[in-house]
């Protein structure tokens, strides 16, 4: 790299987005430590040197299927394996790469994890690249023999000595079956940096031992466990958060300092090592009214499940990984993490959601009360004009109440507008009855889901248009009102079509209802509205609402 050269870098979360330069970094800034390592470059749609990346091939499933040798069951198994990808790299203090076979007897990398517990060897991402010639024979041997293969001498990568281990990935045919697939579905390479060799600590030795056990289980089809629940994205325990090693009887043989600290915060004052983890947790939850029924299986390492334990206001998340040797359980790894803050935030969000739903429920009740008062007043008035005005106001309030009623039953501030509009159409029957009209409403297409700030004005505007068609277009006669919804990624187009008397071409009403519709569609929704008379008879009103700014649906 020459002085003055500019490096283009793109963060991983934009790896599959549109081609763009996120930041430029000069070599001088990079050397001064002001930017990330310049060799990590992601550009979608451009084939990098030695890379198999092409536009449209981005996800793990896409990369695996593109090689043409993996079944859906293989992909599902590899997804489960990659779910613990970072855990494997952290326990092994090594970069790990997942290689899948190709139809031309080669291998392509589909996943790559760097350890957070040690320096990475590879600054460039291997995903999408074919295997390097110096590793191909070792990986091929592991694939054909279904055995773990170690290098006999250090492998040199960019003047750094490394140790490479190739681990075949064996898939079990079913969750409870001991039978495995005829051949490996992939191979993992574990790349350990030997240049930083030093006397390892007891924790490092235990982490390596755990990694070796897990890789051995991968080679026999015992890991991942498809019967295990899906990992939560938020608050999941990691190796550095706390690790406890159990023997087959559930006795603690090792507890990392972070694991011990987590239990100390819950009130345990002794040493975990030599203690039964089940006995320790039983003492911590004594007197607790509600205890997760899976807790005994987790703290004894008998099932690959997850649970939370709470004591003295501290919540610790536990995850058990049973260690098996040829299918027989010989111990377990228990990962633990203090998730008190996360659980507190989750409870606050639940409380907030419940409060918002209660507010919508009360608003709906109040609006229904207002609508009832308007209806009563309309029935008692002697002026036909006043009765009509009060009835229209009642319908407008009722349409808004329907939106709030829908929001009060959901967990998000978005509504299924098809359901809302179906309920709004019920108001048409009342309008038709008061004008001695027989109307046949018909809805075509789908509105989809909309956030509340779109749903309320749209419901009110469509209520105005439909009732106007019944009151004026079909007054005193039988006819049809059709509502046609057409939604795309960019816009929502709605047509309200009746076969009534129609409007004089070029003339649109100037009443309150028309003003309300214009204000709602053009003002609040930033859309457009058009009235015109159909050939023969009838009126068609077209509404177009832009959706390009929506990000929540």
Protein backbone atom coordinates (compact mmCIF):
# COMPACT_ATOMS: atom_id res chain seq x y z
CA UNK A 1 0.00 0.00 0.00
CA UNK A 2 1.46 3.33 -1.08
CA UNK A 3 1.49 6.53 0.92
CA UNK A 4 -1.45 8.74 0.09
CA UNK A 5 -3.60 5.79 -0.93
CA UNK A 6 -7.24 6.08 0.11
CA UNK A 7 -9.04 3.14 1.68
CA UNK A 8 -12.80 2.68 1.25
CA UNK A 9 -14.53 0.94 4.12
CA UNK A 10 -18.10 -0.13 4.67
CA UNK A 11 -19.50 -1.48 7.96
CA UNK A 12 -20.78 -5.07 8.00
CA UNK A 13 -24.41 -4.05 8.53
CA UNK A 14 -24.37 -2.46 5.06
CA UNK A 15 -22.63 -5.40 3.44
CA UNK A 16 -25.69 -6.39 1.44
CA UNK A 17 -27.03 -2.89 0.85
CA UNK A 18 -26.60 -0.71 -2.21
CA UNK A 19 -23.01 0.03 -3.31
CA UNK A 20 -21.83 3.06 -1.41
CA UNK A 21 -18.70 4.51 0.13
CA UNK A 22 -19.29 5.01 3.83
CA UNK A 23 -15.98 6.48 4.81
CA UNK A 24 -12.57 7.19 3.24
CA UNK A 25 -9.47 6.73 5.31
CA UNK A 26 -5.99 7.78 4.37
CA UNK A 27 -3.06 5.48 5.04
CA UNK A 28 -1.66 8.10 7.42
CA UNK A 29 -4.89 8.08 9.49
CA UNK A 30 -4.92 4.29 9.51
CA UNK A 31 -1.32 4.08 10.76
CA UNK A 32 -2.14 6.65 13.44
CA UNK A 33 -4.90 4.36 14.71
CA UNK A 34 -7.70 6.73 13.70
CA UNK A 35 -9.63 4.18 11.70
CA UNK A 36 -10.33 0.50 11.36
CA UNK A 37 -7.96 -1.86 9.59
CA UNK A 38 -8.17 -0.95 5.91
CA UNK A 39 -8.34 -4.47 4.57
CA UNK A 40 -11.99 -4.97 5.53
CA UNK A 41 -13.88 -3.85 2.43
CA UNK A 42 -17.47 -4.76 1.57
CA UNK A 43 -19.00 -3.75 -1.75
CA UNK A 44 -22.24 -5.34 -2.92
CA UNK A 45 -22.45 -6.29 -6.57
CA UNK A 46 -18.69 -6.18 -7.18
CA UNK A 47 -16.72 -9.40 -7.42
CA UNK A 48 -13.71 -9.04 -5.14
CA UNK A 49 -10.44 -10.75 -6.01
CA UNK A 50 -10.71 -14.41 -5.09
CA UNK A 51 -14.30 -13.95 -3.93
CA UNK A 52 -17.48 -15.73 -4.92
CA UNK A 53 -19.68 -12.77 -3.90
CA UNK A 54 -22.11 -11.68 -6.59
CA UNK A 55 -25.22 -9.56 -6.47
CA UNK A 56 -28.15 -11.50 -5.02
CA UNK A 57 -26.02 -14.09 -3.16
CA UNK A 58 -25.83 -12.75 0.35
CA UNK A 59 -27.53 -14.78 3.07
CA UNK A 60 -26.21 -18.00 4.55
CA UNK A 61 -28.97 -20.00 2.83
CA UNK A 62 -28.23 -18.37 -0.52
CA UNK A 63 -24.51 -19.12 -0.27
CA UNK A 64 -25.10 -22.74 0.71
CA UNK A 65 -27.71 -23.39 -2.00
CA UNK A 66 -25.51 -21.72 -4.61
CA UNK A 67 -22.99 -24.55 -4.25
CA UNK A 68 -25.59 -27.12 -5.33
CA UNK A 69 -24.81 -29.95 -2.89
CA UNK A 70 -26.82 -29.17 0.25
CA UNK A 71 -30.40 -30.11 1.12
CA UNK A 72 -32.87 -28.06 3.15
CA UNK A 73 -32.11 -30.27 6.16
CA UNK A 74 -28.41 -29.47 5.73
CA UNK A 75 -29.15 -25.74 5.61
CA UNK A 76 -31.28 -25.96 8.76
CA UNK A 77 -28.50 -27.80 10.60
CA UNK A 78 -25.87 -25.27 9.52
CA UNK A 79 -28.13 -22.41 10.62
CA UNK A 80 -28.28 -23.98 14.06
CA UNK A 81 -24.51 -24.34 14.09
CA UNK A 82 -23.89 -20.75 13.01
CA UNK A 83 -26.22 -19.61 15.79
CA UNK A 84 -23.39 -20.55 18.20
CA UNK A 85 -20.64 -19.41 15.87
CA UNK A 86 -19.33 -16.63 18.09
CA UNK A 87 -19.37 -18.88 21.17
CA UNK A 88 -17.17 -21.44 19.40
CA UNK A 89 -14.67 -18.78 18.31
CA UNK A 90 -14.48 -17.24 21.80
CA UNK A 91 -13.97 -20.59 23.53
CA UNK A 92 -11.31 -21.64 21.02
CA UNK A 93 -9.47 -18.25 21.02
CA UNK A 94 -9.32 -18.73 17.25
CA UNK A 95 -10.82 -17.72 13.93
CA UNK A 96 -13.23 -20.34 12.63
CA UNK A 97 -14.45 -20.70 9.06
CA UNK A 98 -17.29 -22.87 7.77
CA UNK A 99 -16.68 -24.49 4.37
CA UNK A 100 -19.37 -26.23 2.31
CA UNK A 101 -18.60 -28.57 -0.60
CA UNK A 102 -19.22 -27.54 -4.19
CA UNK A 103 -20.23 -29.56 -7.22
CA UNK A 104 -16.68 -29.37 -8.60
CA UNK A 105 -15.13 -30.98 -5.48
CA UNK A 106 -13.99 -27.70 -4.00
CA UNK A 107 -15.08 -25.79 -0.88
CA UNK A 108 -16.53 -22.30 -0.38
CA UNK A 109 -16.65 -20.37 2.90
CA UNK A 110 -20.18 -19.51 4.04
CA UNK A 111 -19.48 -18.26 7.61
CA UNK A 112 -16.52 -16.74 9.42
CA UNK A 113 -16.23 -15.77 13.08
CA UNK A 114 -13.44 -13.82 14.74
CA UNK A 115 -12.74 -14.35 18.44
CA UNK A 116 -13.56 -11.53 20.83
CA UNK A 117 -11.21 -13.17 23.32
CA UNK A 118 -8.06 -12.98 21.14
CA UNK A 119 -6.56 -11.15 18.17
CA UNK A 120 -7.93 -12.18 14.80
CA UNK A 121 -5.71 -13.69 12.15
CA UNK A 122 -7.85 -12.66 9.20
CA UNK A 123 -8.79 -9.06 8.64
CA UNK A 124 -10.45 -9.91 5.34
CA UNK A 125 -13.74 -11.73 5.43
CA UNK A 126 -13.52 -15.23 3.94
CA UNK A 127 -17.25 -15.58 3.27
CA UNK A 128 -17.88 -16.33 -0.40
CA UNK A 129 -14.26 -17.27 -1.17
CA UNK A 130 -13.01 -20.65 -2.35
CA UNK A 131 -10.68 -22.47 -0.05
CA UNK A 132 -6.98 -21.64 -0.21
CA UNK A 133 -4.75 -24.33 -1.75
CA UNK A 134 -2.72 -24.78 1.44
CA UNK A 135 -5.85 -25.81 3.38
CA UNK A 136 -7.69 -27.77 0.71
CA UNK A 137 -6.04 -31.17 1.25
CA UNK A 138 -6.58 -31.06 5.02
CA UNK A 139 -10.23 -30.06 4.64
CA UNK A 140 -10.76 -32.69 1.94
CA UNK A 141 -9.29 -35.40 4.21
CA UNK A 142 -11.58 -34.38 7.07
CA UNK A 143 -14.57 -34.43 4.72
CA UNK A 144 -13.77 -37.89 3.32
CA UNK A 145 -12.69 -39.62 6.54
CA UNK A 146 -15.26 -37.90 8.83
CA UNK A 147 -12.43 -37.43 11.32
CA UNK A 148 -10.87 -34.34 12.91
CA UNK A 149 -7.56 -33.58 11.15
CA UNK A 150 -4.78 -31.45 12.70
CA UNK A 151 -1.80 -29.99 10.89
CA UNK A 152 1.47 -31.80 11.61
CA UNK A 153 3.48 -28.57 11.41
CA UNK A 154 2.65 -24.87 11.86
CA UNK A 155 0.80 -23.30 8.96
CA UNK A 156 2.10 -19.86 8.01
CA UNK A 157 -0.37 -17.14 7.13
CA UNK A 158 1.12 -13.75 6.18
CA UNK A 159 4.29 -14.51 8.19
CA UNK A 160 2.26 -15.61 11.24
CA UNK A 161 2.54 -19.19 12.50
CA UNK A 162 -0.85 -20.84 12.99
CA UNK A 163 -2.27 -24.20 13.88
CA UNK A 164 -5.15 -25.39 11.70
CA UNK A 165 -7.69 -28.01 12.74
CA UNK A 166 -10.31 -29.31 10.28
CA UNK A 167 -13.55 -30.57 11.85
CA UNK A 168 -16.20 -32.37 9.77
CA UNK A 169 -19.79 -31.30 10.39
CA UNK A 170 -22.00 -34.35 10.77
CA UNK A 171 -25.79 -34.00 10.67
CA UNK A 172 -28.09 -36.16 12.72
CA UNK A 173 -31.09 -37.34 10.68
CA UNK A 174 -33.71 -36.46 13.29
CA UNK A 175 -33.74 -34.83 16.71
CA UNK A 176 -33.98 -38.09 18.63
CA UNK A 177 -32.34 -40.46 16.15
CA UNK A 178 -28.76 -41.74 16.65
CA UNK A 179 -28.41 -42.14 12.88
CA UNK A 180 -26.38 -39.58 10.95
CA UNK A 181 -26.06 -38.53 7.30
CA UNK A 182 -23.82 -40.62 5.07
CA UNK A 183 -21.25 -37.88 4.60
CA UNK A 184 -20.37 -34.58 6.30
CA UNK A 185 -22.38 -31.57 5.19
CA UNK A 186 -19.52 -29.11 5.77
CA UNK A 187 -16.08 -28.71 7.35
CA UNK A 188 -14.96 -26.20 9.99
CA UNK A 189 -11.39 -24.93 10.07
CA UNK A 190 -10.08 -23.60 13.36
CA UNK A 191 -7.12 -21.22 12.98
CA UNK A 192 -5.12 -20.61 16.17
CA UNK A 193 -2.48 -17.88 16.32
CA UNK A 194 0.77 -19.40 17.62
CA UNK A 195 2.74 -16.15 17.62
CA UNK A 196 1.12 -15.08 20.91
CA UNK A 197 1.86 -18.37 22.67
CA UNK A 198 2.34 -18.05 26.41
CA UNK A 199 1.54 -20.02 29.53
CA UNK A 200 -2.26 -20.22 29.49
CA UNK A 201 -4.34 -19.45 32.56
CA UNK A 202 -6.70 -21.98 34.09
CA UNK A 203 -9.64 -20.17 32.51
CA UNK A 204 -8.02 -20.33 29.07
CA UNK A 205 -7.33 -24.03 29.51
CA UNK A 206 -10.95 -24.65 30.51
CA UNK A 207 -12.28 -22.59 27.60
CA UNK A 208 -10.08 -24.57 25.20
CA UNK A 209 -11.24 -27.83 26.75
CA UNK A 210 -14.86 -26.75 26.28
CA UNK A 211 -14.14 -25.79 22.67
CA UNK A 212 -12.51 -29.19 22.01
CA UNK A 213 -15.56 -30.93 23.47
CA UNK A 214 -17.95 -28.95 21.31
CA UNK A 215 -15.92 -29.54 18.14
CA UNK A 216 -15.83 -33.26 18.94
CA UNK A 217 -19.62 -33.18 19.32
CA UNK A 218 -19.92 -31.40 15.96
CA UNK A 219 -17.90 -34.23 14.38
CA UNK A 220 -20.27 -36.87 15.79
CA UNK A 221 -23.57 -35.09 15.14
CA UNK A 222 -24.24 -34.23 18.80
CA UNK A 223 -24.02 -30.46 18.29
CA UNK A 224 -26.01 -28.37 17.61
CA UNK A 225 -29.03 -29.84 19.35
CA UNK A 226 -32.08 -29.25 17.16
CA UNK A 227 -34.29 -29.80 20.21
CA UNK A 228 -32.85 -26.70 21.88
CA UNK A 229 -34.97 -23.53 21.82
CA UNK A 230 -33.96 -20.70 19.50
CA UNK A 231 -31.46 -18.30 21.00
CA UNK A 232 -32.79 -14.88 22.00
CA UNK A 233 -31.18 -11.99 20.18
CA UNK A 234 -30.98 -9.79 23.27
CA UNK A 235 -29.32 -10.70 26.55
CA UNK A 236 -28.07 -14.15 25.51
CA UNK A 237 -25.14 -15.33 27.69
CA UNK A 238 -21.70 -15.31 26.08
CA UNK A 239 -18.52 -17.09 27.13
CA UNK A 240 -16.95 -13.93 28.52
CA UNK A 241 -20.06 -13.12 30.59
CA UNK A 242 -19.62 -16.18 32.76
CA UNK A 243 -18.94 -19.90 32.26
CA UNK A 244 -19.47 -22.81 34.65
CA UNK A 245 -18.24 -26.32 33.88
CA UNK A 246 -20.23 -29.21 35.42
CA UNK A 247 -19.43 -32.89 35.67
CA UNK A 248 -21.97 -35.60 34.94
CA UNK A 249 -23.44 -35.31 38.46
CA UNK A 250 -23.97 -31.53 38.20
CA UNK A 251 -21.03 -30.60 40.44
CA UNK A 252 -19.13 -27.46 39.51
CA UNK A 253 -15.57 -28.21 38.38
CA UNK A 254 -14.82 -24.67 37.17
CA UNK A 255 -16.45 -21.26 37.49
CA UNK A 256 -15.07 -18.20 35.75
CA UNK A 257 -14.67 -15.01 37.83
CA UNK A 258 -17.58 -13.36 36.02
CA UNK A 259 -19.83 -16.33 36.72
CA UNK A 260 -18.93 -16.26 40.41
CA UNK A 261 -19.56 -12.50 40.53
CA UNK A 262 -23.02 -12.97 39.02
CA UNK A 263 -23.96 -15.48 41.74
CA UNK A 264 -22.40 -13.26 44.42
CA UNK A 265 -24.71 -10.43 43.37
CA UNK A 266 -27.67 -12.75 43.95
CA UNK A 267 -26.53 -13.42 47.50
CA UNK A 268 -24.28 -16.49 47.24
CA UNK A 269 -21.16 -15.92 49.34
CA UNK A 270 -19.20 -19.15 48.96
CA UNK A 271 -17.17 -20.78 46.19
CA UNK A 272 -19.02 -22.42 43.32
CA UNK A 273 -16.34 -24.98 42.58
CA UNK A 274 -17.03 -28.26 44.32
CA UNK A 275 -20.66 -27.29 44.90
CA UNK A 276 -23.74 -28.70 43.24
CA UNK A 277 -25.10 -25.91 41.09
CA UNK A 278 -28.62 -27.20 41.68
CA UNK A 279 -28.11 -26.91 45.45
CA UNK A 280 -26.73 -23.38 45.12
CA UNK A 281 -29.63 -22.15 42.99
CA UNK A 282 -32.17 -23.85 45.26
CA UNK A 283 -30.88 -21.77 48.15
CA UNK A 284 -31.05 -18.58 46.08
CA UNK A 285 -34.67 -19.03 44.96
CA UNK A 286 -35.94 -20.23 48.36
CA UNK A 287 -39.12 -18.33 49.14
CA UNK A 288 -39.68 -17.29 45.53
CA UNK A 289 -43.31 -17.75 44.53
CA UNK A 290 -42.68 -18.43 40.85
CA UNK A 291 -39.77 -20.51 39.55
CA UNK A 292 -39.26 -21.62 35.95
CA UNK A 293 -39.97 -25.35 35.74
CA UNK A 294 -36.97 -25.80 33.43
CA UNK A 295 -34.52 -24.48 36.07
CA UNK A 296 -33.63 -27.93 37.55
CA UNK A 297 -32.77 -29.29 34.09
CA UNK A 298 -30.63 -26.27 33.25
CA UNK A 299 -28.59 -26.12 36.47
CA UNK A 300 -27.87 -29.85 36.30
CA UNK A 301 -26.87 -29.61 32.63
CA UNK A 302 -29.33 -32.27 31.55
CA UNK A 303 -31.12 -30.29 28.80
CA UNK A 304 -29.97 -27.64 26.29
CA UNK A 305 -32.42 -25.08 27.59
CA UNK A 306 -32.35 -21.51 28.87
CA UNK A 307 -33.88 -19.91 31.92
CA UNK A 308 -33.60 -16.93 34.25
CA UNK A 309 -32.96 -16.98 37.96
CA UNK A 310 -33.86 -13.93 40.04
CA UNK A 311 -32.80 -13.14 43.60
CA UNK A 312 -32.29 -9.92 45.56
CA UNK A 313 -33.35 -7.84 42.57
CA UNK A 314 -30.70 -9.38 40.31
CA UNK A 315 -31.63 -11.46 37.27
CA UNK A 316 -29.13 -13.91 35.79
CA UNK A 317 -29.77 -15.67 32.49
CA UNK A 318 -28.56 -19.29 32.34
CA UNK A 319 -27.98 -21.46 29.32
CA UNK A 320 -26.98 -25.12 29.57
CA UNK A 321 -25.06 -27.00 26.86
CA UNK A 322 -24.84 -30.73 27.69
CA UNK A 323 -21.46 -32.26 26.76
CA UNK A 324 -21.83 -35.68 25.15
CA UNK A 325 -19.36 -38.35 24.10
CA UNK A 326 -20.83 -40.50 21.35
CA UNK A 327 -24.34 -39.61 22.52
CA UNK A 328 -23.72 -40.20 26.25
CA UNK A 329 -23.82 -37.16 28.52
CA UNK A 330 -20.53 -36.66 30.37
CA UNK A 331 -20.96 -33.14 31.72
CA UNK A 332 -22.20 -29.69 30.76
CA UNK A 333 -21.31 -26.08 30.14
CA UNK A 334 -23.52 -23.48 31.79
CA UNK A 335 -23.24 -19.94 30.48
CA UNK A 336 -24.52 -17.15 32.71
CA UNK A 337 -25.03 -13.43 32.32
CA UNK A 338 -26.37 -10.67 34.55
CA UNK A 339 -29.37 -9.39 32.56
CA UNK A 340 -30.96 -7.31 35.31
CA UNK A 341 -30.90 -4.12 33.25
CA UNK A 342 -32.27 -5.82 30.13
CA UNK A 343 -35.14 -7.46 32.04
CA UNK A 344 -35.90 -4.14 33.74
CA UNK A 345 -36.11 -2.44 30.35
CA UNK A 346 -38.32 -5.24 29.02
CA UNK A 347 -40.70 -4.85 31.96
CA UNK A 348 -40.81 -1.11 31.36
CA UNK A 349 -41.65 -1.71 27.69
CA UNK A 350 -44.42 -4.15 28.66
CA UNK A 351 -45.82 -1.60 31.10
CA UNK A 352 -45.57 1.12 28.46
CA UNK A 353 -47.36 -1.03 25.88
CA UNK A 354 -50.12 -1.87 28.36
CA UNK A 355 -50.50 1.82 29.21
CA UNK A 356 -50.76 2.79 25.54
CA UNK A 357 -53.37 0.11 24.91
CA UNK A 358 -55.35 1.27 27.92
CA UNK A 359 -55.22 4.86 26.63
CA UNK A 360 -56.54 3.76 23.23
CA UNK A 361 -59.28 1.77 24.99
CA UNK A 362 -60.37 4.77 27.03
CA UNK A 363 -60.24 7.09 24.02
CA UNK A 364 -62.42 4.61 22.13
CA UNK A 365 -64.92 4.53 25.02
CA UNK A 366 -65.02 8.32 25.19
CA UNK A 367 -65.51 8.62 21.43
CA UNK A 368 -68.31 6.07 21.51
CA UNK A 369 -69.95 8.07 24.30
CA UNK A 370 -69.68 11.24 22.21
CA UNK A 371 -71.13 9.39 19.19
CA UNK A 372 -74.04 8.15 21.33
CA UNK A 373 -74.76 11.67 22.59
CA UNK A 374 -74.75 12.99 19.02
CA UNK A 375 -77.12 10.23 17.95
CA UNK A 376 -79.52 11.02 20.80
CA UNK A 377 -79.40 14.71 20.00
CA UNK A 378 -80.02 14.03 16.31
CA UNK A 379 -83.13 11.98 17.10
CA UNK A 380 -84.60 14.73 19.31
CA UNK A 381 -83.97 17.68 17.03
CA UNK A 382 -86.86 18.97 14.90
CA UNK A 383 -84.70 20.54 12.21
CA UNK A 384 -83.91 18.21 9.31
CA UNK A 385 -80.74 20.14 8.54
CA UNK A 386 -79.55 19.94 12.15
CA UNK A 387 -80.41 16.21 12.31
CA UNK A 388 -78.33 15.54 9.19
CA UNK A 389 -75.36 17.53 10.52
CA UNK A 390 -75.44 15.73 13.86
CA UNK A 391 -75.69 12.32 12.13
CA UNK A 392 -72.67 13.09 9.98
CA UNK A 393 -70.68 14.18 13.04
CA UNK A 394 -71.70 10.98 14.81
CA UNK A 395 -70.40 8.83 11.92
CA UNK A 396 -67.11 10.70 11.82
CA UNK A 397 -66.55 10.19 15.52
CA UNK A 398 -67.53 6.51 15.23
CA UNK A 399 -65.00 5.97 12.41
CA UNK A 400 -62.18 7.37 14.57
CA UNK A 401 -63.35 5.18 17.47
CA UNK A 402 -62.96 2.06 15.30
CA UNK A 403 -59.25 2.83 14.78
CA UNK A 404 -58.64 3.33 18.50
CA UNK A 405 -60.56 0.13 19.28
CA UNK A 406 -58.24 -1.81 16.94
CA UNK A 407 -55.14 -0.21 18.47
CA UNK A 408 -56.30 -1.11 21.98
CA UNK A 409 -56.15 -4.84 21.17
CA UNK A 410 -52.70 -4.95 19.52
CA UNK A 411 -49.13 -4.88 20.76
CA UNK A 412 -47.88 -2.42 18.14
CA UNK A 413 -49.05 0.96 16.91
CA UNK A 414 -50.02 -0.48 13.54
CA UNK A 415 -53.42 -1.76 12.49
CA UNK A 416 -54.80 -4.17 9.94
CA UNK A 417 -56.64 -1.55 7.91
CA UNK A 418 -58.71 -4.15 6.07
CA UNK A 419 -60.28 -5.09 9.39
CA UNK A 420 -60.78 -1.43 10.29
CA UNK A 421 -62.44 -0.63 6.97
CA UNK A 422 -64.74 -3.66 7.14
CA UNK A 423 -66.06 -2.29 10.42
CA UNK A 424 -66.35 1.22 8.99
CA UNK A 425 -68.48 -0.15 6.15
CA UNK A 426 -71.09 -1.18 8.71
CA UNK A 427 -71.86 2.51 9.12
CA UNK A 428 -73.05 2.53 5.48
CA UNK A 429 -76.12 0.47 6.38
CA UNK A 430 -77.25 3.15 8.82
CA UNK A 431 -76.75 5.87 6.20
CA UNK A 432 -78.63 3.88 3.57
CA UNK A 433 -81.56 3.22 5.91
CA UNK A 434 -81.97 6.91 6.66
CA UNK A 435 -82.10 7.75 2.93
CA UNK A 436 -84.39 4.87 1.82
CA UNK A 437 -81.50 3.49 -0.20
CA UNK A 438 -80.50 -0.11 -0.88
CA UNK A 439 -76.73 -0.21 -1.24
CA UNK A 440 -74.42 -3.13 -2.02
CA UNK A 441 -70.92 -2.30 -0.76
CA UNK A 442 -68.03 -4.25 -2.29
CA UNK A 443 -64.34 -4.19 -1.36
CA UNK A 444 -61.63 -5.34 -3.77
CA UNK A 445 -57.93 -5.67 -3.00
CA UNK A 446 -56.14 -5.17 0.30
CA UNK A 447 -55.03 -2.13 2.27
CA UNK A 448 -52.51 -4.06 4.39
CA UNK A 449 -51.23 -2.77 7.71
CA UNK A 450 -50.81 0.93 8.45
CA UNK A 451 -49.46 2.90 11.41
CA UNK A 452 -52.03 4.77 13.49
CA UNK A 453 -51.00 8.16 12.11
CA UNK A 454 -52.07 6.93 8.65
CA UNK A 455 -55.03 4.78 9.69
CA UNK A 456 -57.07 7.46 11.49
CA UNK A 457 -57.18 10.12 8.73
CA UNK A 458 -57.60 7.50 5.99
CA UNK A 459 -60.52 5.83 7.82
CA UNK A 460 -62.23 9.18 8.32
CA UNK A 461 -61.67 10.23 4.68
CA UNK A 462 -63.02 6.95 3.28
CA UNK A 463 -66.02 7.15 5.61
CA UNK A 464 -66.81 10.57 4.14
CA UNK A 465 -66.47 9.35 0.56
CA UNK A 466 -68.56 6.21 1.00
CA UNK A 467 -71.34 7.96 2.91
CA UNK A 468 -71.32 10.76 0.33
CA UNK A 469 -71.78 8.20 -2.45
CA UNK A 470 -74.74 6.69 -0.60
CA UNK A 471 -76.33 10.00 0.40
CA UNK A 472 -76.03 11.81 -2.90
CA UNK A 473 -75.11 9.37 -5.66
CA UNK A 474 -77.57 6.62 -4.68
CA UNK A 475 -80.21 8.60 -2.77
CA UNK A 476 -83.62 6.92 -3.03
CA UNK A 477 -82.44 4.13 -5.33
CA UNK A 478 -80.60 0.80 -5.32
CA UNK A 479 -76.97 0.67 -6.34
CA UNK A 480 -73.43 -0.42 -5.62
CA UNK A 481 -70.43 1.24 -4.03
CA UNK A 482 -67.12 -0.48 -4.76
CA UNK A 483 -63.91 0.28 -2.88
CA UNK A 484 -60.79 -0.83 -4.77
CA UNK A 485 -57.48 -0.88 -2.86
CA UNK A 486 -54.16 -1.34 -4.63
CA UNK A 487 -51.01 -1.23 -2.53
CA UNK A 488 -47.41 -1.17 -3.74
CA UNK A 489 -44.11 -0.53 -2.02
CA UNK A 490 -44.33 3.16 -2.92
CA UNK A 491 -47.99 4.08 -2.56
CA UNK A 492 -51.53 3.08 -1.62
CA UNK A 493 -54.19 3.82 -4.25
CA UNK A 494 -57.86 3.64 -3.31
CA UNK A 495 -60.83 4.11 -5.64
CA UNK A 496 -64.40 4.66 -4.45
CA UNK A 497 -66.75 3.94 -7.36
CA UNK A 498 -70.55 4.16 -7.36
CA UNK A 499 -73.11 3.67 -10.12
CA UNK A 500 -75.31 6.54 -9.00
CA UNK A 501 -76.32 9.77 -10.64
CA UNK A 502 -72.79 11.13 -10.88
CA UNK A 503 -71.38 14.65 -10.72
CA UNK A 504 -71.30 17.30 -13.40
CA UNK A 505 -67.85 16.90 -14.97
CA UNK A 506 -65.36 19.34 -13.53
CA UNK A 507 -67.58 20.23 -10.58
CA UNK A 508 -66.84 19.01 -7.09
CA UNK A 509 -68.89 19.70 -4.02
CA UNK A 510 -67.80 22.45 -1.65
CA UNK A 511 -69.45 21.15 1.49
CA UNK A 512 -67.86 20.30 4.82
CA UNK A 513 -67.35 16.65 3.87
CA UNK A 514 -65.33 17.57 0.77
CA UNK A 515 -63.22 20.00 2.77
CA UNK A 516 -62.55 17.35 5.41
CA UNK A 517 -61.47 14.81 2.77
CA UNK A 518 -59.13 17.29 1.09
CA UNK A 519 -57.58 18.29 4.40
CA UNK A 520 -57.02 14.70 5.49
CA UNK A 521 -55.65 13.33 2.20
CA UNK A 522 -53.63 16.28 0.98
CA UNK A 523 -52.70 17.83 4.32
CA UNK A 524 -52.17 15.00 6.79
CA UNK A 525 -51.25 12.16 4.42
CA UNK A 526 -49.46 14.18 1.73
CA UNK A 527 -51.49 12.43 -0.97
CA UNK A 528 -53.64 13.37 -3.95
CA UNK A 529 -57.38 13.06 -4.65
CA UNK A 530 -59.37 13.25 -7.88
CA UNK A 531 -63.12 13.25 -8.62
CA UNK A 532 -64.58 12.48 -12.03
CA UNK A 533 -67.77 11.15 -13.56
CA UNK A 534 -67.80 7.76 -15.26
CA UNK A 535 -69.09 7.19 -18.76
CA UNK A 536 -72.82 6.71 -18.55
CA UNK A 537 -73.42 7.22 -14.85
CA UNK A 538 -71.65 7.09 -11.53
CA UNK A 539 -68.71 8.77 -9.88
CA UNK A 540 -65.14 7.59 -9.28
CA UNK A 541 -62.97 9.14 -6.59
CA UNK A 542 -59.26 8.19 -6.64
CA UNK A 543 -56.98 8.64 -3.65
CA UNK A 544 -53.23 8.09 -3.81
CA UNK A 545 -51.22 8.11 -0.57
CA UNK A 546 -47.39 7.86 -0.69
CA UNK A 547 -45.89 5.17 1.55
CA UNK A 548 -42.20 5.68 0.86
CA UNK A 549 -41.59 7.20 4.28
CA UNK A 550 -43.04 4.24 6.19
CA UNK A 551 -40.39 2.26 8.11
CA UNK A 552 -42.47 0.42 10.71
CA UNK A 553 -44.38 -1.99 8.48
